[in-house]
Amino acid sequence: MEGVNWVIQSMSNISRRTYENETDLPIMIDLSARVRLPADLDDYPGKVNLEEDFASAAIRANTRLWFDNDQPVGWAYVDDFRNLWWELDHQYDELLGAEIVEWGVTCVRRALPEGATATLDTSCRDDNTDRLSFLNKHGFQKGDATTVYMARLLSEPIPVPHLPEGFVIRSVSGPQEAEAITCTHRAAFVTEYMTTERRLAIMSVSEYDPALDLVVLAPDGTIAAYCSCSVDLQKLTGNTDPVATHPRYQRMGLARALLLTGLRLLKEHGMQSAHLGTSGNNIAMQKTAEAVGFTLGHKTLWFSKEVR
């Protein structure tokens, strides 16, 4: 009975609302830092990911926050690709878990034409047993897709990068190159995901450092490849992704040269380790990362729930 009484009392104290303005973003970031396990602190979406996503008015409209007596206890949003991202204080899993999922379903459903079906998707670390159990309980089915995360210590030797004759690596010159980088990304991954607006949002986050945003120029001056690096000064870790090479210039060692250049820059900035993520299907990227010293850290699994 004590547990039932707690639920009844807690339900009477719960309030929820949609995202209001930029003051909600720090609330969401702080909640993630408070409730995540130490091993999960770097999981998507982190601070930078949230800053990128919430440049989109559509995502802001698809965001809800939950409070218990004005104390933030949960948030959830659906991004432009029908992915559900959420954070919830674990003691509220039973109380609010179904409501979190239903919010995601609602966001997908209201964008569907009459009679259409789609899926609400999300991902989870393969070793996060609590979240895996949550997804199973709320009707998500595991798919075949995975994301691979790799890591490398920067105390190990970093070879000198080499480029084909006529190619050069430099930092991005500014927002005026956003469209060209977007075109390279879309061609490399055969995807509509990256837009100039999204790229500009990436270049506007608080931790963006243009000196760490690298491109390879082909002999004719076009952007042949790029690698966006970043640093976490608190954890002394850096990231070297995404890496993308235009199909015209693949298998020339450009991605390897970018990674090595990025690793050297991260080490110069005082970082102790480097990390990257890539699709489980992107074997070429995984092999390139392994060739410069990265090893497997962990994987995330992808799940979906049908929405009618």
C-alpha atoms as a PDB file:
ATOM      1  CA  MET A   1       0.000   0.000   0.000  1.00  0.00           C
ATOM      2  CA  GLU A   2       2.875   2.364   0.695  1.00  0.00           C
ATOM      3  CA  GLY A   3       3.969   2.168  -2.954  1.00  0.00           C
ATOM      4  CA  VAL A   4       0.410   2.773  -4.169  1.00  0.00           C
ATOM      5  CA  ASN A   5       0.036   5.777  -1.895  1.00  0.00           C
ATOM      6  CA  TRP A   6       3.329   7.203  -3.215  1.00  0.00           C
ATOM      7  CA  VAL A   7       2.069   6.866  -6.786  1.00  0.00           C
ATOM      8  CA  ILE A   8      -1.238   8.551  -5.977  1.00  0.00           C
ATOM      9  CA  GLN A   9       0.479  11.371  -4.107  1.00  0.00           C
ATOM     10  CA  SER A  10       3.086  11.824  -6.834  1.00  0.00           C
ATOM     11  CA  MET A  11       0.504  11.918  -9.622  1.00  0.00           C
ATOM     12  CA  SER A  12      -1.220  14.812  -7.888  1.00  0.00           C
ATOM     13  CA  ASN A  13       2.056  16.744  -7.872  1.00  0.00           C
ATOM     14  CA  ILE A  14       3.032  16.062 -11.504  1.00  0.00           C
ATOM     15  CA  SER A  15       2.738  18.804 -14.092  1.00  0.00           C
ATOM     16  CA  ARG A  16       3.732  18.757 -17.729  1.00  0.00           C
ATOM     17  CA  ARG A  17       4.075  21.315 -20.463  1.00  0.00           C
ATOM     18  CA  THR A  18       5.562  21.769 -23.897  1.00  0.00           C
ATOM     19  CA  TYR A  19       8.894  23.493 -24.503  1.00  0.00           C
ATOM     20  CA  GLU A  20       8.557  27.241 -23.927  1.00  0.00           C
ATOM     21  CA  ASN A  21      11.829  29.007 -24.699  1.00  0.00           C
ATOM     22  CA  GLU A  22      15.619  28.782 -24.521  1.00  0.00           C
ATOM     23  CA  THR A  23      15.544  28.710 -20.696  1.00  0.00           C
ATOM     24  CA  ASP A  24      14.199  25.145 -20.914  1.00  0.00           C
ATOM     25  CA  LEU A  25      17.347  23.831 -22.591  1.00  0.00           C
ATOM     26  CA  PRO A  26      19.583  24.162 -19.488  1.00  0.00           C
ATOM     27  CA  ILE A  27      16.835  22.424 -17.498  1.00  0.00           C
ATOM     28  CA  MET A  28      17.003  19.464 -19.867  1.00  0.00           C
ATOM     29  CA  ILE A  29      20.805  19.365 -19.886  1.00  0.00           C
ATOM     30  CA  ASP A  30      20.984  19.519 -16.074  1.00  0.00           C
ATOM     31  CA  LEU A  31      18.436  16.712 -15.727  1.00  0.00           C
ATOM     32  CA  SER A  32      20.502  14.467 -18.012  1.00  0.00           C
ATOM     33  CA  ALA A  33      23.618  15.116 -15.945  1.00  0.00           C
ATOM     34  CA  ARG A  34      21.716  14.361 -12.746  1.00  0.00           C
ATOM     35  CA  VAL A  35      20.002  11.095 -13.666  1.00  0.00           C
ATOM     36  CA  ARG A  36      22.340   9.377 -16.127  1.00  0.00           C
ATOM     37  CA  LEU A  37      24.700   6.667 -14.982  1.00  0.00           C
ATOM     38  CA  PRO A  38      28.397   7.622 -15.259  1.00  0.00           C
ATOM     39  CA  ALA A  39      28.895   5.248 -18.203  1.00  0.00           C
ATOM     40  CA  ASP A  40      25.989   6.887 -20.062  1.00  0.00           C
ATOM     41  CA  LEU A  41      26.914  10.554 -19.632  1.00  0.00           C
ATOM     42  CA  ASP A  42      28.238  10.845 -23.198  1.00  0.00           C
ATOM     43  CA  ASP A  43      25.261   9.095 -24.797  1.00  0.00           C
ATOM     44  CA  TYR A  44      23.186  10.855 -27.423  1.00  0.00           C
ATOM     45  CA  PRO A  45      21.722  13.408 -27.032  1.00  0.00           C
ATOM     46  CA  GLY A  46      24.341  15.354 -25.119  1.00  0.00           C
ATOM     47  CA  LYS A  47      24.568  19.094 -24.566  1.00  0.00           C
ATOM     48  CA  VAL A  48      25.874  19.865 -28.055  1.00  0.00           C
ATOM     49  CA  ASN A  49      23.315  17.552 -29.699  1.00  0.00           C
ATOM     50  CA  LEU A  50      20.492  19.298 -27.875  1.00  0.00           C
ATOM     51  CA  GLU A  51      21.773  22.708 -28.915  1.00  0.00           C
ATOM     52  CA  GLU A  52      21.871  21.545 -32.537  1.00  0.00           C
ATOM     53  CA  ASP A  53      18.423  19.944 -32.459  1.00  0.00           C
ATOM     54  CA  PHE A  54      16.710  22.825 -30.711  1.00  0.00           C
ATOM     55  CA  ALA A  55      17.667  25.228 -33.458  1.00  0.00           C
ATOM     56  CA  SER A  56      14.673  23.581 -35.192  1.00  0.00           C
ATOM     57  CA  ALA A  57      11.245  25.050 -34.462  1.00  0.00           C
ATOM     58  CA  ALA A  58       9.645  21.704 -35.357  1.00  0.00           C
ATOM     59  CA  ILE A  59      11.670  19.887 -32.706  1.00  0.00           C
ATOM     60  CA  ARG A  60      10.881  22.539 -30.102  1.00  0.00           C
ATOM     61  CA  ALA A  61       7.194  21.992 -30.846  1.00  0.00           C
ATOM     62  CA  ASN A  62       7.674  18.232 -30.354  1.00  0.00           C
ATOM     63  CA  THR A  63       9.169  18.617 -26.870  1.00  0.00           C
ATOM     64  CA  ARG A  64       7.496  18.098 -23.506  1.00  0.00           C
ATOM     65  CA  LEU A  65       8.839  18.479 -19.964  1.00  0.00           C
ATOM     66  CA  TRP A  66       7.561  16.875 -16.739  1.00  0.00           C
ATOM     67  CA  PHE A  67       7.851  18.318 -13.218  1.00  0.00           C
ATOM     68  CA  ASP A  68       7.136  17.091  -9.697  1.00  0.00           C
ATOM     69  CA  ASN A  69       6.368  20.094  -7.511  1.00  0.00           C
ATOM     70  CA  ASP A  70       8.301  22.249  -9.994  1.00  0.00           C
ATOM     71  CA  GLN A  71      11.323  19.892  -9.832  1.00  0.00           C
ATOM     72  CA  PRO A  72      12.229  18.683 -13.363  1.00  0.00           C
ATOM     73  CA  VAL A  73      11.898  14.896 -13.550  1.00  0.00           C
ATOM     74  CA  GLY A  74      11.651  14.179 -17.278  1.00  0.00           C
ATOM     75  CA  TRP A  75      11.708  15.433 -20.834  1.00  0.00           C
ATOM     76  CA  ALA A  76      11.087  13.940 -24.251  1.00  0.00           C
ATOM     77  CA  TYR A  77      11.144  15.049 -27.864  1.00  0.00           C
ATOM     78  CA  VAL A  78      10.771  13.641 -31.349  1.00  0.00           C
ATOM     79  CA  ASP A  79      13.269  14.831 -33.933  1.00  0.00           C
ATOM     80  CA  ASP A  80      12.861  15.396 -37.664  1.00  0.00           C
ATOM     81  CA  PHE A  81      13.371  11.678 -38.350  1.00  0.00           C
ATOM     82  CA  ARG A  82      10.736  10.344 -35.937  1.00  0.00           C
ATOM     83  CA  ASN A  83      13.337   9.409 -33.327  1.00  0.00           C
ATOM     84  CA  LEU A  84      12.234   9.621 -29.699  1.00  0.00           C
ATOM     85  CA  TRP A  85      14.808  10.984 -27.265  1.00  0.00           C
ATOM     86  CA  TRP A  86      14.064  11.248 -23.580  1.00  0.00           C
ATOM     87  CA  GLU A  87      15.446  11.487 -20.084  1.00  0.00           C
ATOM     88  CA  LEU A  88      13.530  10.458 -16.986  1.00  0.00           C
ATOM     89  CA  ASP A  89      14.429  10.305 -13.315  1.00  0.00           C
ATOM     90  CA  HIS A  90      14.485   6.531 -12.746  1.00  0.00           C
ATOM     91  CA  GLN A  91      12.111   6.584  -9.783  1.00  0.00           C
ATOM     92  CA  TYR A  92       9.426   7.893 -12.162  1.00  0.00           C
ATOM     93  CA  ASP A  93       9.772   5.109 -14.736  1.00  0.00           C
ATOM     94  CA  GLU A  94       6.576   3.376 -13.625  1.00  0.00           C
ATOM     95  CA  LEU A  95       4.719   6.641 -13.117  1.00  0.00           C
ATOM     96  CA  LEU A  96       5.610   8.449 -16.346  1.00  0.00           C
ATOM     97  CA  GLY A  97       7.223   5.914 -18.677  1.00  0.00           C
ATOM     98  CA  ALA A  98       4.056   5.168 -20.652  1.00  0.00           C
ATOM     99  CA  GLU A  99       3.325   8.892 -20.914  1.00  0.00           C
ATOM    100  CA  ILE A 100       6.795   9.558 -22.333  1.00  0.00           C
ATOM    101  CA  VAL A 101       6.258   6.937 -25.036  1.00  0.00           C
ATOM    102  CA  GLU A 102       2.728   8.141 -25.760  1.00  0.00           C
ATOM    103  CA  TRP A 103       4.069  11.669 -26.287  1.00  0.00           C
ATOM    104  CA  GLY A 104       6.413  10.271 -28.915  1.00  0.00           C
ATOM    105  CA  VAL A 105       3.589   8.358 -30.579  1.00  0.00           C
ATOM    106  CA  THR A 106       1.427  11.502 -30.576  1.00  0.00           C
ATOM    107  CA  CYS A 107       4.158  13.569 -32.272  1.00  0.00           C
ATOM    108  CA  VAL A 108       4.519  10.976 -35.033  1.00  0.00           C
ATOM    109  CA  ARG A 109       0.787  10.378 -35.438  1.00  0.00           C
ATOM    110  CA  ARG A 110      -0.168  14.019 -35.875  1.00  0.00           C
ATOM    111  CA  ALA A 111       2.249  14.316 -38.817  1.00  0.00           C
ATOM    112  CA  LEU A 112       0.864  11.239 -40.609  1.00  0.00           C
ATOM    113  CA  PRO A 113      -1.642  11.397 -43.455  1.00  0.00           C
ATOM    114  CA  GLU A 114      -4.981   9.705 -42.780  1.00  0.00           C
ATOM    115  CA  GLY A 115      -4.619   5.920 -42.828  1.00  0.00           C
ATOM    116  CA  ALA A 116      -0.803   5.965 -43.037  1.00  0.00           C
ATOM    117  CA  THR A 117       1.588   4.073 -40.768  1.00  0.00           C
ATOM    118  CA  ALA A 118       5.110   4.869 -39.614  1.00  0.00           C
ATOM    119  CA  THR A 119       7.462   3.963 -36.782  1.00  0.00           C
ATOM    120  CA  LEU A 120       8.664   5.790 -33.709  1.00  0.00           C
ATOM    121  CA  ASP A 121      12.351   4.952 -33.410  1.00  0.00           C
ATOM    122  CA  THR A 122      14.987   5.221 -30.717  1.00  0.00           C
ATOM    123  CA  SER A 123      18.339   3.739 -29.714  1.00  0.00           C
ATOM    124  CA  CYS A 124      19.916   2.321 -26.589  1.00  0.00           C
ATOM    125  CA  ARG A 125      23.370   1.152 -25.511  1.00  0.00           C
ATOM    126  CA  ASP A 126      23.647  -2.608 -25.747  1.00  0.00           C
ATOM    127  CA  ASP A 127      24.706  -2.807 -22.083  1.00  0.00           C
ATOM    128  CA  ASN A 128      22.014  -0.517 -20.622  1.00  0.00           C
ATOM    129  CA  THR A 129      19.781  -3.223 -19.164  1.00  0.00           C
ATOM    130  CA  ASP A 130      17.335  -0.803 -17.507  1.00  0.00           C
ATOM    131  CA  ARG A 131      16.599   1.077 -20.718  1.00  0.00           C
ATOM    132  CA  LEU A 132      16.455  -2.142 -22.746  1.00  0.00           C
ATOM    133  CA  SER A 133      13.834  -3.411 -20.322  1.00  0.00           C
ATOM    134  CA  PHE A 134      11.933  -0.106 -20.595  1.00  0.00           C
ATOM    135  CA  LEU A 135      11.802  -0.350 -24.392  1.00  0.00           C
ATOM    136  CA  ASN A 136      10.644  -3.954 -24.304  1.00  0.00           C
ATOM    137  CA  LYS A 137       7.932  -3.117 -21.773  1.00  0.00           C
ATOM    138  CA  HIS A 138       6.574  -0.287 -23.917  1.00  0.00           C
ATOM    139  CA  GLY A 139       6.308  -2.221 -27.153  1.00  0.00           C
ATOM    140  CA  PHE A 140       9.502  -1.334 -29.018  1.00  0.00           C
ATOM    141  CA  GLN A 141      10.993  -3.995 -31.295  1.00  0.00           C
ATOM    142  CA  LYS A 142      14.732  -4.307 -31.919  1.00  0.00           C
ATOM    143  CA  GLY A 143      15.807  -3.811 -35.526  1.00  0.00           C
ATOM    144  CA  ASP A 144      18.978  -4.733 -37.371  1.00  0.00           C
ATOM    145  CA  ALA A 145      20.608  -1.273 -37.312  1.00  0.00           C
ATOM    146  CA  THR A 146      23.419  -0.499 -34.885  1.00  0.00           C
ATOM    147  CA  THR A 147      25.746   2.408 -34.187  1.00  0.00           C
ATOM    148  CA  VAL A 148      29.367   1.666 -33.330  1.00  0.00           C
ATOM    149  CA  TYR A 149      31.356   3.884 -30.954  1.00  0.00           C
ATOM    150  CA  MET A 150      35.153   3.694 -30.973  1.00  0.00           C
ATOM    151  CA  ALA A 151      37.881   5.231 -28.828  1.00  0.00           C
ATOM    152  CA  ARG A 152      41.624   5.866 -28.907  1.00  0.00           C
ATOM    153  CA  LEU A 153      44.143   7.033 -26.312  1.00  0.00           C
ATOM    154  CA  LEU A 154      46.089  10.092 -27.446  1.00  0.00           C
ATOM    155  CA  SER A 155      49.144   9.035 -25.428  1.00  0.00           C
ATOM    156  CA  GLU A 156      49.844   6.480 -28.160  1.00  0.00           C
ATOM    157  CA  PRO A 157      51.932   7.595 -31.182  1.00  0.00           C
ATOM    158  CA  ILE A 158      50.001   9.440 -33.905  1.00  0.00           C
ATOM    159  CA  PRO A 159      51.449   8.925 -37.395  1.00  0.00           C
ATOM    160  CA  VAL A 160      52.032  11.889 -39.689  1.00  0.00           C
ATOM    161  CA  PRO A 161      49.092  12.302 -42.115  1.00  0.00           C
ATOM    162  CA  HIS A 162      49.759  12.067 -45.855  1.00  0.00           C
ATOM    163  CA  LEU A 163      47.620  13.398 -48.694  1.00  0.00           C
ATOM    164  CA  PRO A 164      47.696  12.817 -52.460  1.00  0.00           C
ATOM    165  CA  GLU A 165      49.548  15.496 -54.395  1.00  0.00           C
ATOM    166  CA  GLY A 166      47.560  18.696 -54.772  1.00  0.00           C
ATOM    167  CA  PHE A 167      45.220  18.045 -51.822  1.00  0.00           C
ATOM    168  CA  VAL A 168      45.413  20.129 -48.638  1.00  0.00           C
ATOM    169  CA  ILE A 169      43.787  20.051 -45.201  1.00  0.00           C
ATOM    170  CA  ARG A 170      42.687  23.259 -43.520  1.00  0.00           C
ATOM    171  CA  SER A 171      40.080  24.510 -41.074  1.00  0.00           C
ATOM    172  CA  VAL A 172      36.684  25.655 -42.294  1.00  0.00           C
ATOM    173  CA  SER A 173      36.846  29.296 -43.311  1.00  0.00           C
ATOM    174  CA  GLY A 174      33.418  30.163 -41.930  1.00  0.00           C
ATOM    175  CA  PRO A 175      29.631  29.871 -42.425  1.00  0.00           C
ATOM    176  CA  GLN A 176      30.063  30.613 -46.128  1.00  0.00           C
ATOM    177  CA  GLU A 177      31.328  27.046 -46.571  1.00  0.00           C
ATOM    178  CA  ALA A 178      28.316  25.440 -44.887  1.00  0.00           C
ATOM    179  CA  GLU A 179      26.522  24.725 -48.161  1.00  0.00           C
ATOM    180  CA  ALA A 180      29.579  23.100 -49.776  1.00  0.00           C
ATOM    181  CA  ILE A 181      30.144  20.902 -46.706  1.00  0.00           C
ATOM    182  CA  THR A 182      26.469  19.954 -46.753  1.00  0.00           C
ATOM    183  CA  CYS A 183      26.764  18.846 -50.385  1.00  0.00           C
ATOM    184  CA  THR A 184      29.781  16.686 -49.521  1.00  0.00           C
ATOM    185  CA  HIS A 185      27.918  15.076 -46.621  1.00  0.00           C
ATOM    186  CA  ARG A 186      24.805  14.332 -48.689  1.00  0.00           C
ATOM    187  CA  ALA A 187      26.845  12.824 -51.506  1.00  0.00           C
ATOM    188  CA  ALA A 188      28.984  10.737 -49.154  1.00  0.00           C
ATOM    189  CA  PHE A 189      26.121   9.227 -47.178  1.00  0.00           C
ATOM    190  CA  VAL A 190      23.400   9.347 -49.865  1.00  0.00           C
ATOM    191  CA  THR A 191      21.068  11.031 -47.400  1.00  0.00           C
ATOM    192  CA  GLU A 192      18.808  14.061 -47.134  1.00  0.00           C
ATOM    193  CA  TYR A 193      19.580  14.346 -43.410  1.00  0.00           C
ATOM    194  CA  MET A 194      22.115  17.155 -43.645  1.00  0.00           C
ATOM    195  CA  THR A 195      20.879  20.554 -44.752  1.00  0.00           C
ATOM    196  CA  THR A 196      22.646  23.894 -44.893  1.00  0.00           C
ATOM    197  CA  GLU A 197      20.454  25.057 -42.008  1.00  0.00           C
ATOM    198  CA  ARG A 198      21.443  22.065 -39.884  1.00  0.00           C
ATOM    199  CA  ARG A 199      25.096  22.558 -40.726  1.00  0.00           C
ATOM    200  CA  LEU A 200      24.852  26.209 -39.677  1.00  0.00           C
ATOM    201  CA  ALA A 201      23.231  25.075 -36.416  1.00  0.00           C
ATOM    202  CA  ILE A 202      26.197  22.752 -35.799  1.00  0.00           C
ATOM    203  CA  MET A 203      28.528  25.696 -36.339  1.00  0.00           C
ATOM    204  CA  SER A 204      26.558  27.773 -33.816  1.00  0.00           C
ATOM    205  CA  VAL A 205      26.708  25.546 -30.721  1.00  0.00           C
ATOM    206  CA  SER A 206      28.571  26.721 -27.650  1.00  0.00           C
ATOM    207  CA  GLU A 207      31.441  24.225 -27.959  1.00  0.00           C
ATOM    208  CA  TYR A 208      32.072  24.705 -31.679  1.00  0.00           C
ATOM    209  CA  ASP A 209      35.674  25.588 -32.517  1.00  0.00           C
ATOM    210  CA  PRO A 210      36.231  26.469 -36.193  1.00  0.00           C
ATOM    211  CA  ALA A 211      39.916  25.549 -35.872  1.00  0.00           C
ATOM    212  CA  LEU A 212      38.842  21.936 -35.237  1.00  0.00           C
ATOM    213  CA  ASP A 213      36.388  21.803 -38.141  1.00  0.00           C
ATOM    214  CA  LEU A 214      38.541  20.322 -40.902  1.00  0.00           C
ATOM    215  CA  VAL A 215      38.114  20.035 -44.661  1.00  0.00           C
ATOM    216  CA  VAL A 216      40.211  18.541 -47.434  1.00  0.00           C
ATOM    217  CA  LEU A 217      40.453  20.678 -50.561  1.00  0.00           C
ATOM    218  CA  ALA A 218      40.880  18.961 -53.913  1.00  0.00           C
ATOM    219  CA  PRO A 219      43.353  20.461 -56.435  1.00  0.00           C
ATOM    220  CA  ASP A 220      40.492  22.454 -58.010  1.00  0.00           C
ATOM    221  CA  GLY A 221      39.547  23.986 -54.632  1.00  0.00           C
ATOM    222  CA  THR A 222      36.360  21.979 -54.040  1.00  0.00           C
ATOM    223  CA  ILE A 223      35.707  20.343 -50.672  1.00  0.00           C
ATOM    224  CA  ALA A 224      36.537  16.677 -51.126  1.00  0.00           C
ATOM    225  CA  ALA A 225      36.099  15.561 -47.508  1.00  0.00           C
ATOM    226  CA  TYR A 226      35.589  16.907 -44.007  1.00  0.00           C
ATOM    227  CA  CYS A 227      35.868  15.919 -40.343  1.00  0.00           C
ATOM    228  CA  SER A 228      34.267  17.864 -37.495  1.00  0.00           C
ATOM    229  CA  CYS A 229      36.309  17.618 -34.304  1.00  0.00           C
ATOM    230  CA  SER A 230      35.397  18.910 -30.860  1.00  0.00           C
ATOM    231  CA  VAL A 231      36.782  18.883 -27.321  1.00  0.00           C
ATOM    232  CA  ASP A 232      35.343  18.423 -23.845  1.00  0.00           C
ATOM    233  CA  LEU A 233      37.626  20.442 -21.585  1.00  0.00           C
ATOM    234  CA  GLN A 234      36.136  18.975 -18.407  1.00  0.00           C
ATOM    235  CA  LYS A 235      36.544  15.316 -19.354  1.00  0.00           C
ATOM    236  CA  LEU A 236      39.628  15.902 -21.533  1.00  0.00           C
ATOM    237  CA  THR A 237      38.071  13.896 -24.349  1.00  0.00           C
ATOM    238  CA  GLY A 238      37.674  14.803 -27.993  1.00  0.00           C
ATOM    239  CA  ASN A 239      35.531  13.698 -30.912  1.00  0.00           C
ATOM    240  CA  THR A 240      36.498  13.169 -34.539  1.00  0.00           C
ATOM    241  CA  ASP A 241      33.171  12.709 -36.265  1.00  0.00           C
ATOM    242  CA  PRO A 242      31.404  12.893 -38.554  1.00  0.00           C
ATOM    243  CA  VAL A 243      33.890  12.104 -41.303  1.00  0.00           C
ATOM    244  CA  ALA A 244      32.622  12.267 -44.880  1.00  0.00           C
ATOM    245  CA  THR A 245      34.348  11.901 -48.237  1.00  0.00           C
ATOM    246  CA  HIS A 246      32.699  12.778 -51.546  1.00  0.00           C
ATOM    247  CA  PRO A 247      32.347   9.653 -53.739  1.00  0.00           C
ATOM    248  CA  ARG A 248      34.637  11.193 -56.367  1.00  0.00           C
ATOM    249  CA  TYR A 249      37.500  11.182 -53.872  1.00  0.00           C
ATOM    250  CA  GLN A 250      36.949   8.007 -51.879  1.00  0.00           C
ATOM    251  CA  ARG A 251      39.697   5.370 -51.458  1.00  0.00           C
ATOM    252  CA  MET A 252      42.409   8.018 -51.663  1.00  0.00           C
ATOM    253  CA  GLY A 253      43.246   8.060 -47.948  1.00  0.00           C
ATOM    254  CA  LEU A 254      41.504  11.372 -47.250  1.00  0.00           C
ATOM    255  CA  ALA A 255      39.501  10.106 -44.261  1.00  0.00           C
ATOM    256  CA  ARG A 256      42.636   8.603 -42.710  1.00  0.00           C
ATOM    257  CA  ALA A 257      44.523  11.885 -43.170  1.00  0.00           C
ATOM    258  CA  LEU A 258      41.658  13.838 -41.610  1.00  0.00           C
ATOM    259  CA  LEU A 259      41.483  11.525 -38.602  1.00  0.00           C
ATOM    260  CA  LEU A 260      45.220  11.734 -38.000  1.00  0.00           C
ATOM    261  CA  THR A 261      45.152  15.522 -38.321  1.00  0.00           C
ATOM    262  CA  GLY A 262      42.216  15.667 -35.932  1.00  0.00           C
ATOM    263  CA  LEU A 263      43.968  13.419 -33.405  1.00  0.00           C
ATOM    264  CA  ARG A 264      47.034  15.653 -33.455  1.00  0.00           C
ATOM    265  CA  LEU A 265      44.904  18.750 -32.903  1.00  0.00           C
ATOM    266  CA  LEU A 266      43.026  17.140 -30.024  1.00  0.00           C
ATOM    267  CA  LYS A 267      46.309  16.202 -28.378  1.00  0.00           C
ATOM    268  CA  GLU A 268      47.592  19.772 -28.838  1.00  0.00           C
ATOM    269  CA  HIS A 269      44.439  20.943 -27.053  1.00  0.00           C
ATOM    270  CA  GLY A 270      45.304  18.752 -24.066  1.00  0.00           C
ATOM    271  CA  MET A 271      42.827  15.936 -24.685  1.00  0.00           C
ATOM    272  CA  GLN A 272      43.665  12.480 -23.368  1.00  0.00           C
ATOM    273  CA  SER A 273      41.405  10.375 -25.594  1.00  0.00           C
ATOM    274  CA  ALA A 274      39.462  10.608 -28.852  1.00  0.00           C
ATOM    275  CA  HIS A 275      36.079   9.117 -29.743  1.00  0.00           C
ATOM    276  CA  LEU A 276      33.940   8.657 -32.829  1.00  0.00           C
ATOM    277  CA  GLY A 277      30.691   7.007 -33.829  1.00  0.00           C
ATOM    278  CA  THR A 278      29.592   5.473 -37.117  1.00  0.00           C
ATOM    279  CA  SER A 279      26.913   3.205 -38.503  1.00  0.00           C
ATOM    280  CA  GLY A 280      27.388  -0.484 -37.875  1.00  0.00           C
ATOM    281  CA  ASN A 281      27.073  -0.926 -41.640  1.00  0.00           C
ATOM    282  CA  ASN A 282      29.878   1.524 -42.395  1.00  0.00           C
ATOM    283  CA  ILE A 283      32.651  -1.040 -42.443  1.00  0.00           C
ATOM    284  CA  ALA A 284      34.971   1.240 -44.433  1.00  0.00           C
ATOM    285  CA  MET A 285      34.859   3.914 -41.710  1.00  0.00           C
ATOM    286  CA  GLN A 286      35.401   1.346 -38.977  1.00  0.00           C
ATOM    287  CA  LYS A 287      38.448  -0.075 -40.768  1.00  0.00           C
ATOM    288  CA  THR A 288      39.856   3.419 -41.335  1.00  0.00           C
ATOM    289  CA  ALA A 289      39.399   4.204 -37.634  1.00  0.00           C
ATOM    290  CA  GLU A 290      41.055   0.938 -36.643  1.00  0.00           C
ATOM    291  CA  ALA A 291      43.973   1.731 -38.974  1.00  0.00           C
ATOM    292  CA  VAL A 292      44.738   4.906 -36.979  1.00  0.00           C
ATOM    293  CA  GLY A 293      44.421   3.247 -33.574  1.00  0.00           C
ATOM    294  CA  PHE A 294      40.728   3.304 -32.623  1.00  0.00           C
ATOM    295  CA  THR A 295      39.197   0.260 -30.950  1.00  0.00           C
ATOM    296  CA  LEU A 296      35.582  -0.697 -30.255  1.00  0.00           C
ATOM    297  CA  GLY A 297      34.084   0.988 -27.209  1.00  0.00           C
ATOM    298  CA  HIS A 298      30.401   0.047 -27.281  1.00  0.00           C
ATOM    299  CA  LYS A 299      27.408  -0.278 -29.600  1.00  0.00           C
ATOM    300  CA  THR A 300      23.913   1.104 -29.559  1.00  0.00           C
ATOM    301  CA  LEU A 301      20.941  -0.866 -30.810  1.00  0.00           C
ATOM    302  CA  TRP A 302      17.986   0.632 -32.666  1.00  0.00           C
ATOM    303  CA  PHE A 303      14.342  -0.028 -31.843  1.00  0.00           C
ATOM    304  CA  SER A 304      11.009   0.882 -33.413  1.00  0.00           C
ATOM    305  CA  LYS A 305       7.342   1.016 -32.437  1.00  0.00           C
ATOM    306  CA  GLU A 306       4.599   1.054 -35.079  1.00  0.00           C
ATOM    307  CA  VAL A 307       2.370   4.101 -35.157  1.00  0.00           C
ATOM    308  CA  ARG A 308      -0.971   4.123 -36.982  1.00  0.00           C
END
